[in-house]
């Protein structure tokens, strides 16, 4: 029951990233977002989530993980309610940012609770397998749930649905999860502030570049300010007695490699869900419900990959699954670059999506185990927060890079398509172009497909880099295999 409560929270937090994806076209029409600014509906959540995860993990170590876990869930519930009631762009983005704060408090605490609740060895391996499958597969489940809610109700219910789920989790937690030992300390608020501002400005710079070009003064100013804040963050952490990010964790070669791999893979998986959702709805003309069911096989295959990895990790160690998983993910994304306006779901989307998902299932179990292997109990919150932070920051930063790539490729394709549009468009199509500023019909499909294909090229490069890091950086030591087989020490079960 403890694992069910923890996994349910993680599912709710992860699901919320993609459950909104399926509603993006409806949100765009309802509140007037542009295609490039629409990514902020995702980024407003993931940036505050990723930026404050380190502080959330530290809060659990100091104040008690169960107490902080419940507080994060309740804040997430309140923000979801406000988001569902939003009447304009600003209100929705503010609510999404507040959701990210709640998720940042709850998510690293839930991962740390697994480390301190389940004994090291097969028991913890299985628990991490479930957690990793939920983390990776929750995105596809979110697309299905979002499709159902948007089709049968409206886009606001993709946010309202968190309210009853979160309240049930908050009520069940005191009954099934024991409170962890508190470790006295102080909060590194300066570190949290500089890291969050640095990442927000960096992502904003990429989004701004997609809209206004790389020479835009505000784009260049955002990048410059991001560098200043991120350098300040590193300096603060080096001098702090109780840093939000214990830099000594990067001294371990395997853990540092794990964070690098997670950064790259998160960028790829966020991009895959974001762009394929737009493609199947706008080019293939899937309804929100059809689009949700189209992504259902992703969850099944991710669970299969996670099950394979968690079963054979004690025998072979995590490195083979990290390497093979990244190669499979890269192959799937490279396959997706072949999509065009004549592509079909069965012929061009399903196959590469399944290959990608199998690789991601293997990856998430291996990465989670490696990141928390041999971490002192008093630092499990910080370690789990750092892993989650690299995932969310990698996703936000990667998505912003991919959106920039998408915007550039789309603009180039629009220039190619415009003469044909001008020669063959009907009066109604010309009127629609004047109203929206975007090419309608098959001309618009060609523009969007060119941008999506270019984005998948960059996403495939991200996963190839992850495979290279796994080959060069990860080393499996005999002590690692002993812990995976249950021969090491670990906290007693509750």
Protein backbone atom coordinates (compact mmCIF):
# COMPACT_ATOMS: atom_id res chain seq x y z
CA UNK A 1 0.00 0.00 0.00
CA UNK A 2 2.90 2.37 0.69
CA UNK A 3 4.22 1.75 -2.82
CA UNK A 4 0.73 2.31 -4.27
CA UNK A 5 0.46 5.70 -2.54
CA UNK A 6 3.97 6.77 -3.62
CA UNK A 7 3.50 5.58 -7.20
CA UNK A 8 0.08 7.27 -7.43
CA UNK A 9 1.62 10.60 -6.50
CA UNK A 10 4.40 10.19 -9.07
CA UNK A 11 1.83 9.19 -11.69
CA UNK A 12 -0.23 12.31 -10.96
CA UNK A 13 2.81 14.59 -11.18
CA UNK A 14 4.25 13.02 -14.35
CA UNK A 15 0.86 12.55 -15.98
CA UNK A 16 0.20 16.26 -15.61
CA UNK A 17 3.02 17.09 -18.03
CA UNK A 18 1.41 15.24 -20.93
CA UNK A 19 -2.28 15.23 -19.99
CA UNK A 20 -2.14 18.92 -20.89
CA UNK A 21 -0.37 18.14 -24.19
CA UNK A 22 -3.44 16.46 -25.63
CA UNK A 23 -5.49 19.55 -24.76
CA UNK A 24 -3.04 22.04 -26.32
CA UNK A 25 -5.02 22.61 -29.55
CA UNK A 26 -8.17 23.29 -27.51
CA UNK A 27 -6.29 25.53 -25.06
CA UNK A 28 -4.79 27.41 -28.01
CA UNK A 29 -8.22 28.07 -29.51
CA UNK A 30 -9.80 28.92 -26.16
CA UNK A 31 -7.18 31.30 -24.75
CA UNK A 32 -5.43 32.54 -27.91
CA UNK A 33 -1.90 31.12 -27.60
CA UNK A 34 0.44 31.13 -30.63
CA UNK A 35 2.08 27.82 -31.64
CA UNK A 36 5.50 28.77 -30.23
CA UNK A 37 4.14 30.39 -27.04
CA UNK A 38 1.96 27.31 -26.53
CA UNK A 39 5.03 25.43 -25.29
CA UNK A 40 4.95 27.65 -22.19
CA UNK A 41 1.86 25.76 -21.01
CA UNK A 42 4.28 22.84 -20.62
CA UNK A 43 7.36 24.86 -19.66
CA UNK A 44 5.68 26.95 -16.95
CA UNK A 45 5.08 23.68 -15.11
CA UNK A 46 8.32 21.88 -15.83
CA UNK A 47 10.56 24.89 -15.12
CA UNK A 48 9.27 25.58 -11.62
CA UNK A 49 9.12 21.83 -11.09
CA UNK A 50 12.71 21.30 -12.19
CA UNK A 51 14.05 24.48 -10.63
CA UNK A 52 12.66 23.81 -7.15
CA UNK A 53 13.05 20.01 -7.00
CA UNK A 54 16.38 20.36 -5.21
CA UNK A 55 14.78 22.56 -2.55
CA UNK A 56 11.87 20.11 -2.27
CA UNK A 57 14.20 17.17 -1.73
CA UNK A 58 16.14 19.11 0.89
CA UNK A 59 12.91 20.08 2.66
CA UNK A 60 12.02 16.40 3.06
CA UNK A 61 15.41 15.64 4.62
CA UNK A 62 15.06 18.48 7.15
CA UNK A 63 11.34 18.59 7.98
CA UNK A 64 10.34 14.95 7.56
CA UNK A 65 9.47 13.36 4.23
CA UNK A 66 5.89 12.34 4.94
CA UNK A 67 4.96 15.82 6.18
CA UNK A 68 6.52 17.52 3.16
CA UNK A 69 5.01 14.93 0.80
CA UNK A 70 1.48 15.72 1.98
CA UNK A 71 2.09 19.49 1.78
CA UNK A 72 3.31 19.17 -1.81
CA UNK A 73 0.30 17.08 -2.85
CA UNK A 74 -2.18 19.57 -1.34
CA UNK A 75 -0.47 22.53 -3.05
CA UNK A 76 -0.61 20.62 -6.33
CA UNK A 77 -4.35 20.05 -5.82
CA UNK A 78 -5.03 23.75 -5.14
CA UNK A 79 -3.03 24.85 -8.21
CA UNK A 80 -4.86 22.33 -10.41
CA UNK A 81 -8.20 23.77 -9.31
CA UNK A 82 -7.05 27.31 -10.10
CA UNK A 83 -5.71 26.21 -13.50
CA UNK A 84 -9.01 24.65 -14.47
CA UNK A 85 -10.77 27.93 -13.66
CA UNK A 86 -8.35 30.09 -15.72
CA UNK A 87 -9.88 32.65 -18.06
CA UNK A 88 -6.76 33.93 -19.89
CA UNK A 89 -3.16 33.06 -20.74
CA UNK A 90 -1.65 34.71 -17.66
CA UNK A 91 -3.92 32.92 -15.20
CA UNK A 92 -3.26 29.52 -16.75
CA UNK A 93 0.52 29.98 -16.84
CA UNK A 94 0.55 31.18 -13.20
CA UNK A 95 -1.48 28.14 -12.11
CA UNK A 96 0.81 25.82 -14.08
CA UNK A 97 3.85 27.37 -12.38
CA UNK A 98 2.22 26.85 -8.97
CA UNK A 99 1.51 23.23 -9.91
CA UNK A 100 5.22 22.90 -10.58
CA UNK A 101 6.01 24.13 -7.07
CA UNK A 102 3.69 21.50 -5.57
CA UNK A 103 5.18 18.79 -7.75
CA UNK A 104 8.71 19.88 -6.80
CA UNK A 105 7.85 19.41 -3.14
CA UNK A 106 6.09 16.04 -3.52
CA UNK A 107 8.07 14.22 -6.23
CA UNK A 108 11.61 14.01 -4.79
CA UNK A 109 10.15 13.15 -1.42
CA UNK A 110 8.24 10.23 -2.93
CA UNK A 111 11.40 8.81 -4.53
CA UNK A 112 13.33 9.24 -1.26
CA UNK A 113 10.53 7.44 0.60
CA UNK A 114 11.17 4.36 -1.56
CA UNK A 115 14.85 4.40 -0.59
CA UNK A 116 14.03 4.57 3.11
CA UNK A 117 10.99 2.24 3.07
CA UNK A 118 12.24 -0.76 1.09
CA UNK A 119 15.30 -2.86 1.86
CA UNK A 120 18.18 -2.71 -0.63
CA UNK A 121 18.16 -5.66 -3.04
CA UNK A 122 15.32 -7.38 -4.94
CA UNK A 123 12.61 -5.66 -2.87
CA UNK A 124 13.88 -2.17 -3.63
CA UNK A 125 14.64 -3.16 -7.24
CA UNK A 126 11.00 -4.07 -7.76
CA UNK A 127 9.83 -0.86 -6.08
CA UNK A 128 12.14 1.22 -8.27
CA UNK A 129 10.92 -0.74 -11.29
CA UNK A 130 7.33 0.26 -10.53
CA UNK A 131 8.36 3.86 -9.85
CA UNK A 132 10.39 4.07 -13.06
CA UNK A 133 7.61 2.50 -15.15
CA UNK A 134 5.17 5.05 -13.75
CA UNK A 135 7.63 7.90 -14.35
CA UNK A 136 8.26 6.94 -17.97
CA UNK A 137 4.86 5.48 -18.88
CA UNK A 138 2.79 8.08 -17.05
CA UNK A 139 3.26 10.42 -19.97
CA UNK A 140 1.42 8.11 -22.35
CA UNK A 141 -1.28 7.43 -19.76
CA UNK A 142 -1.69 11.19 -19.47
CA UNK A 143 -2.29 11.49 -23.20
CA UNK A 144 -5.01 8.83 -23.04
CA UNK A 145 -6.67 10.37 -20.00
CA UNK A 146 -6.40 13.80 -21.58
CA UNK A 147 -8.00 12.54 -24.78
CA UNK A 148 -10.95 11.10 -22.89
CA UNK A 149 -11.46 14.24 -20.79
CA UNK A 150 -11.15 16.68 -23.71
CA UNK A 151 -13.41 14.57 -25.94
CA UNK A 152 -16.16 13.98 -23.39
CA UNK A 153 -15.92 17.15 -21.29
CA UNK A 154 -13.48 19.98 -22.13
CA UNK A 155 -9.82 20.94 -21.69
CA UNK A 156 -10.36 22.31 -18.16
CA UNK A 157 -10.94 18.80 -16.84
CA UNK A 158 -7.34 17.78 -17.57
CA UNK A 159 -6.57 20.00 -14.56
CA UNK A 160 -9.69 19.40 -12.47
CA UNK A 161 -9.06 15.63 -12.46
CA UNK A 162 -6.05 16.11 -10.15
CA UNK A 163 -8.25 17.40 -7.34
CA UNK A 164 -9.94 14.13 -6.23
CA UNK A 165 -6.82 12.06 -6.95
CA UNK A 166 -4.59 14.34 -4.90
CA UNK A 167 -7.02 14.49 -1.98
CA UNK A 168 -7.16 10.67 -1.84
CA UNK A 169 -3.35 10.47 -1.81
CA UNK A 170 -3.13 13.06 0.99
CA UNK A 171 -5.69 11.16 3.08
CA UNK A 172 -4.03 7.76 2.55
CA UNK A 173 -0.45 8.86 3.25
CA UNK A 174 -0.61 9.10 7.09
CA UNK A 175 -2.12 5.61 7.25
CA UNK A 176 0.34 3.72 5.06
CA UNK A 177 3.62 5.66 5.13
CA UNK A 178 5.68 6.19 8.26
CA UNK A 179 7.42 9.49 8.94
CA UNK A 180 11.15 9.55 8.18
CA UNK A 181 13.85 10.66 10.57
CA UNK A 182 14.47 14.41 10.47
CA UNK A 183 17.99 15.65 9.81
CA UNK A 184 18.53 19.18 11.20
CA UNK A 185 19.83 21.70 8.68
CA UNK A 186 19.09 24.91 6.83
CA UNK A 187 17.55 25.74 3.48
CA UNK A 188 19.74 27.02 0.68
CA UNK A 189 17.28 29.60 -0.63
CA UNK A 190 19.95 31.51 -2.54
CA UNK A 191 20.91 28.37 -4.43
CA UNK A 192 17.26 27.60 -5.22
CA UNK A 193 16.63 31.14 -6.45
CA UNK A 194 19.72 31.42 -8.67
CA UNK A 195 19.24 27.96 -10.22
CA UNK A 196 15.56 28.56 -10.98
CA UNK A 197 16.08 32.03 -12.44
CA UNK A 198 19.02 30.81 -14.50
CA UNK A 199 17.05 27.95 -16.06
CA UNK A 200 13.94 30.09 -16.68
CA UNK A 201 16.02 32.72 -18.49
CA UNK A 202 17.88 30.08 -20.51
CA UNK A 203 14.67 28.44 -21.71
CA UNK A 204 13.07 31.83 -22.37
CA UNK A 205 16.04 32.72 -24.54
CA UNK A 206 15.47 29.68 -26.76
CA UNK A 207 11.72 30.31 -26.98
CA UNK A 208 12.34 33.97 -27.79
CA UNK A 209 14.85 32.98 -30.49
CA UNK A 210 12.18 30.81 -32.14
CA UNK A 211 9.79 33.78 -32.26
CA UNK A 212 12.05 36.80 -32.88
CA UNK A 213 15.40 35.45 -34.07
CA UNK A 214 18.85 34.97 -32.57
CA UNK A 215 19.84 38.64 -32.96
CA UNK A 216 16.90 39.97 -30.96
CA UNK A 217 18.25 42.06 -28.01
CA UNK A 218 15.91 40.40 -25.52
CA UNK A 219 17.03 36.94 -26.72
CA UNK A 220 20.70 37.83 -26.23
CA UNK A 221 19.96 39.51 -22.91
CA UNK A 222 18.15 36.40 -21.66
CA UNK A 223 21.10 34.17 -22.50
CA UNK A 224 23.56 36.57 -20.84
CA UNK A 225 21.48 36.82 -17.67
CA UNK A 226 21.06 33.02 -17.60
CA UNK A 227 24.84 32.55 -17.67
CA UNK A 228 25.26 35.05 -14.80
CA UNK A 229 22.67 33.32 -12.59
CA UNK A 230 23.93 29.80 -13.32
CA UNK A 231 27.54 30.75 -12.59
CA UNK A 232 26.35 32.41 -9.38
CA UNK A 233 24.50 29.19 -8.51
CA UNK A 234 27.68 27.11 -8.82
CA UNK A 235 29.64 29.61 -6.72
CA UNK A 236 26.94 29.65 -4.04
CA UNK A 237 26.87 25.86 -3.88
CA UNK A 238 30.65 25.63 -3.58
CA UNK A 239 30.70 27.97 -0.58
CA UNK A 240 27.55 26.79 1.19
CA UNK A 241 27.92 24.53 4.22
CA UNK A 242 24.56 22.90 3.45
CA UNK A 243 24.07 23.33 -0.31
CA UNK A 244 20.85 22.55 -2.11
CA UNK A 245 22.97 20.60 -4.62
CA UNK A 246 25.80 18.71 -2.87
CA UNK A 247 28.44 19.07 -5.59
CA UNK A 248 30.36 16.09 -4.19
CA UNK A 249 27.67 13.87 -5.73
CA UNK A 250 29.15 14.68 -9.13
CA UNK A 251 32.50 13.32 -7.97
CA UNK A 252 31.10 9.81 -8.39
CA UNK A 253 31.65 8.94 -12.06
CA UNK A 254 28.57 6.75 -12.37
CA UNK A 255 26.25 9.24 -10.72
CA UNK A 256 27.52 12.15 -12.81
CA UNK A 257 27.10 10.05 -15.96
CA UNK A 258 23.59 9.13 -14.87
CA UNK A 259 22.60 12.77 -14.53
CA UNK A 260 24.02 13.53 -17.99
CA UNK A 261 22.10 10.64 -19.56
CA UNK A 262 18.87 11.70 -17.85
CA UNK A 263 19.32 15.28 -19.10
CA UNK A 264 19.57 14.08 -22.72
CA UNK A 265 16.79 11.49 -22.57
CA UNK A 266 14.33 13.83 -20.87
CA UNK A 267 14.81 16.32 -23.69
CA UNK A 268 13.99 13.58 -26.19
CA UNK A 269 10.90 12.18 -24.46
CA UNK A 270 9.37 15.62 -23.81
CA UNK A 271 9.88 16.48 -27.47
CA UNK A 272 8.49 13.18 -28.71
CA UNK A 273 5.21 13.61 -26.83
CA UNK A 274 4.85 17.32 -27.64
CA UNK A 275 5.43 17.09 -31.40
CA UNK A 276 3.72 13.76 -32.03
CA UNK A 277 0.63 15.10 -30.26
CA UNK A 278 0.53 18.06 -32.65
CA UNK A 279 1.23 15.81 -35.65
CA UNK A 280 -1.46 13.20 -35.07
CA UNK A 281 -4.13 15.82 -34.32
CA UNK A 282 -3.26 18.47 -36.90
CA UNK A 283 -1.91 16.38 -39.81
CA UNK A 284 -3.54 12.96 -39.30
CA UNK A 285 -6.76 14.66 -38.06
CA UNK A 286 -7.11 12.46 -34.97
CA UNK A 287 -9.62 13.58 -32.39
CA UNK A 288 -8.29 14.09 -28.82
CA UNK A 289 -9.67 10.67 -27.85
CA UNK A 290 -8.11 8.96 -30.87
CA UNK A 291 -4.80 10.68 -30.12
CA UNK A 292 -4.95 9.44 -26.54
CA UNK A 293 -5.50 5.84 -27.63
CA UNK A 294 -2.73 6.24 -30.22
CA UNK A 295 -0.22 6.70 -27.38
CA UNK A 296 -1.55 3.88 -25.18
CA UNK A 297 0.96 1.30 -26.56
CA UNK A 298 3.77 3.53 -25.24
CA UNK A 299 2.83 2.80 -21.62
CA UNK A 300 2.57 -0.94 -22.25
CA UNK A 301 5.97 -1.18 -23.94
CA UNK A 302 7.65 1.06 -21.35
CA UNK A 303 6.33 -1.27 -18.62
CA UNK A 304 7.75 -4.25 -20.56
CA UNK A 305 11.14 -2.55 -20.87
CA UNK A 306 11.15 -1.63 -17.19
CA UNK A 307 10.23 -5.20 -16.21
CA UNK A 308 13.04 -6.67 -18.31
CA UNK A 309 15.59 -4.27 -16.84
CA UNK A 310 14.55 -4.68 -13.19
CA UNK A 311 14.65 -8.50 -13.54
CA UNK A 312 18.11 -8.76 -15.08
CA UNK A 313 19.85 -5.78 -13.46
CA UNK A 314 21.26 -7.91 -10.60
CA UNK A 315 22.84 -10.23 -13.18
CA UNK A 316 24.28 -7.81 -15.74
CA UNK A 317 24.29 -4.48 -13.92
CA UNK A 318 22.76 -1.25 -15.24
CA UNK A 319 25.26 -0.34 -17.97
CA UNK A 320 24.03 -2.72 -20.72
CA UNK A 321 20.47 -1.47 -20.26
CA UNK A 322 21.60 2.15 -20.32
CA UNK A 323 23.49 1.63 -23.58
CA UNK A 324 20.88 -0.53 -25.31
CA UNK A 325 18.02 1.67 -24.09
CA UNK A 326 19.60 4.85 -25.47
CA UNK A 327 20.39 3.18 -28.80
CA UNK A 328 16.78 1.99 -29.15
CA UNK A 329 15.47 5.46 -28.28
CA UNK A 330 17.78 7.04 -30.87
CA UNK A 331 16.69 4.51 -33.50
CA UNK A 332 13.02 5.25 -32.85
CA UNK A 333 13.50 9.00 -33.14
CA UNK A 334 15.62 8.65 -36.27
CA UNK A 335 12.78 6.60 -37.78
CA UNK A 336 10.30 9.37 -36.89
CA UNK A 337 12.30 11.89 -38.92
CA UNK A 338 10.90 10.18 -42.05
CA UNK A 339 7.33 11.37 -41.37
CA UNK A 340 5.71 13.57 -44.02
CA UNK A 341 2.21 14.71 -44.97
CA UNK A 342 1.50 11.31 -46.54
CA UNK A 343 2.46 9.35 -43.40
CA UNK A 344 -0.04 7.15 -41.58
CA UNK A 345 -0.22 6.16 -37.93
CA UNK A 346 0.27 2.44 -38.52
CA UNK A 347 2.92 2.87 -41.20
CA UNK A 348 5.01 5.74 -39.85
CA UNK A 349 4.26 6.48 -36.18
CA UNK A 350 3.46 3.29 -34.27
CA UNK A 351 6.63 1.32 -35.08
CA UNK A 352 9.19 3.98 -34.14
CA UNK A 353 7.14 4.95 -31.09
CA UNK A 354 7.31 1.35 -29.76
CA UNK A 355 11.07 1.07 -30.38
CA UNK A 356 11.60 4.36 -28.53
CA UNK A 357 9.37 3.25 -25.64
CA UNK A 358 11.16 -0.07 -25.12
CA UNK A 359 14.46 1.78 -24.79
CA UNK A 360 13.03 4.33 -22.37
CA UNK A 361 11.59 1.62 -20.13
CA UNK A 362 15.04 0.06 -19.78
CA UNK A 363 16.64 3.44 -19.18
CA UNK A 364 14.49 4.80 -16.40
CA UNK A 365 14.91 1.79 -14.09
CA UNK A 366 18.67 1.74 -14.60
CA UNK A 367 19.06 5.47 -14.12
CA UNK A 368 16.95 5.57 -10.96
CA UNK A 369 18.89 2.73 -9.32
CA UNK A 370 22.28 4.13 -10.28
CA UNK A 371 21.49 7.67 -9.10
CA UNK A 372 20.48 6.52 -5.61
CA UNK A 373 23.00 3.71 -5.22
CA UNK A 374 25.21 4.01 -2.13
CA UNK A 375 23.80 7.41 -1.10
CA UNK A 376 23.78 8.22 2.68
CA UNK A 377 20.29 8.21 4.18
CA UNK A 378 20.48 11.90 5.11
CA UNK A 379 21.15 12.80 1.46
CA UNK A 380 18.58 10.60 -0.30
CA UNK A 381 16.20 13.55 -0.62
CA UNK A 382 18.89 15.69 -2.24
CA UNK A 383 19.98 12.82 -4.53
CA UNK A 384 16.44 12.03 -5.65
CA UNK A 385 15.72 15.74 -6.09
CA UNK A 386 18.80 16.09 -8.28
CA UNK A 387 17.74 13.16 -10.47
CA UNK A 388 14.24 14.56 -10.87
CA UNK A 389 15.66 18.03 -11.47
CA UNK A 390 17.87 16.83 -14.33
CA UNK A 391 14.83 15.13 -15.83
CA UNK A 392 12.60 18.20 -15.65
CA UNK A 393 15.27 20.76 -16.51
CA UNK A 394 16.46 18.54 -19.36
CA UNK A 395 12.88 18.27 -20.57
CA UNK A 396 12.25 22.01 -20.43
CA UNK A 397 15.59 23.01 -21.92
CA UNK A 398 15.39 20.28 -24.56
CA UNK A 399 11.82 21.18 -25.50
CA UNK A 400 12.79 24.82 -25.88
CA UNK A 401 15.68 23.84 -28.19
CA UNK A 402 13.40 21.57 -30.18
CA UNK A 403 10.73 24.29 -30.43
CA UNK A 404 13.42 26.66 -31.74
CA UNK A 405 14.43 24.04 -34.32
CA UNK A 406 10.77 23.50 -35.19
CA UNK A 407 10.19 27.26 -35.60
CA UNK A 408 13.19 27.74 -37.89
CA UNK A 409 12.38 24.72 -40.10
CA UNK A 410 8.69 25.67 -40.24
CA UNK A 411 9.49 29.23 -41.29
CA UNK A 412 11.77 27.97 -44.07
CA UNK A 413 9.13 25.55 -45.30
CA UNK A 414 6.44 28.27 -45.18
CA UNK A 415 8.53 30.38 -47.56
CA UNK A 416 8.66 27.45 -49.97
CA UNK A 417 4.93 26.75 -49.71
CA UNK A 418 3.70 30.34 -49.98
CA UNK A 419 3.96 30.70 -53.81
CA UNK A 420 1.87 27.54 -54.26
CA UNK A 421 -0.63 28.77 -51.68
CA UNK A 422 -0.92 32.15 -53.39
CA UNK A 423 -1.52 30.45 -56.74
CA UNK A 424 -4.05 27.84 -55.62
CA UNK A 425 -5.80 29.06 -52.47
CA UNK A 426 -9.54 29.68 -52.38
CA UNK A 427 -11.04 32.89 -51.02
CA UNK A 428 -11.93 31.15 -47.74
CA UNK A 429 -8.37 29.86 -47.36
CA UNK A 430 -6.95 33.33 -48.01
CA UNK A 431 -9.28 34.76 -45.38
CA UNK A 432 -8.18 32.14 -42.86
CA UNK A 433 -4.54 32.97 -43.56
CA UNK A 434 -5.22 36.67 -42.96
CA UNK A 435 -6.96 35.85 -39.68
CA UNK A 436 -4.40 33.41 -38.24
CA UNK A 437 -1.16 34.25 -40.04
CA UNK A 438 -0.62 30.53 -40.67
CA UNK A 439 -1.00 28.62 -43.94
CA UNK A 440 -4.20 26.52 -43.96
CA UNK A 441 -4.93 23.07 -45.40
CA UNK A 442 -2.24 20.86 -46.91
CA UNK A 443 0.16 23.82 -47.12
CA UNK A 444 -0.03 24.19 -43.36
CA UNK A 445 0.37 20.43 -42.91
CA UNK A 446 3.56 20.54 -44.95
CA UNK A 447 4.91 23.39 -42.82
CA UNK A 448 4.13 21.64 -39.55
CA UNK A 449 5.52 18.30 -40.75
CA UNK A 450 8.79 19.88 -41.86
CA UNK A 451 9.20 21.46 -38.43
CA UNK A 452 8.34 18.24 -36.60
CA UNK A 453 10.77 16.19 -38.70
CA UNK A 454 13.59 18.67 -38.02
CA UNK A 455 12.84 18.57 -34.29
CA UNK A 456 13.09 14.76 -34.29
CA UNK A 457 16.54 14.99 -35.91
CA UNK A 458 17.79 17.03 -32.94
CA UNK A 459 15.98 14.73 -30.47
CA UNK A 460 17.74 11.72 -32.03
CA UNK A 461 21.07 13.49 -31.52
CA UNK A 462 20.22 13.97 -27.82
CA UNK A 463 19.66 10.23 -27.38
CA UNK A 464 22.82 9.38 -29.32
CA UNK A 465 24.76 11.56 -26.89
CA UNK A 466 23.11 9.69 -24.00
CA UNK A 467 24.30 6.37 -25.48
CA UNK A 468 27.83 7.76 -25.80
CA UNK A 469 27.83 8.89 -22.15
CA UNK A 470 26.65 5.43 -21.07
CA UNK A 471 29.45 3.74 -22.99
CA UNK A 472 32.23 6.04 -21.80
CA UNK A 473 31.23 7.07 -18.27
CA UNK A 474 29.32 4.23 -16.61
CA UNK A 475 31.29 1.53 -14.79
CA UNK A 476 29.65 -1.39 -12.99
CA UNK A 477 31.58 -2.31 -9.84
CA UNK A 478 31.28 -5.59 -7.92
CA UNK A 479 29.81 -3.66 -4.98
CA UNK A 480 27.02 -2.38 -7.24
CA UNK A 481 26.03 -5.93 -8.21
CA UNK A 482 26.13 -7.00 -4.55
CA UNK A 483 23.68 -4.27 -3.60
CA UNK A 484 21.37 -5.11 -6.51
CA UNK A 485 21.39 -8.76 -5.39
CA UNK A 486 20.55 -7.77 -1.82
CA UNK A 487 23.94 -8.56 -0.29
CA UNK A 488 24.57 -4.99 0.84
CA UNK A 489 23.04 -3.18 3.76
CA UNK A 490 19.88 -1.14 3.68
CA UNK A 491 17.18 0.27 5.94
CA UNK A 492 14.73 -2.22 7.42
CA UNK A 493 11.27 -2.42 5.94
CA UNK A 494 8.45 -0.71 7.87
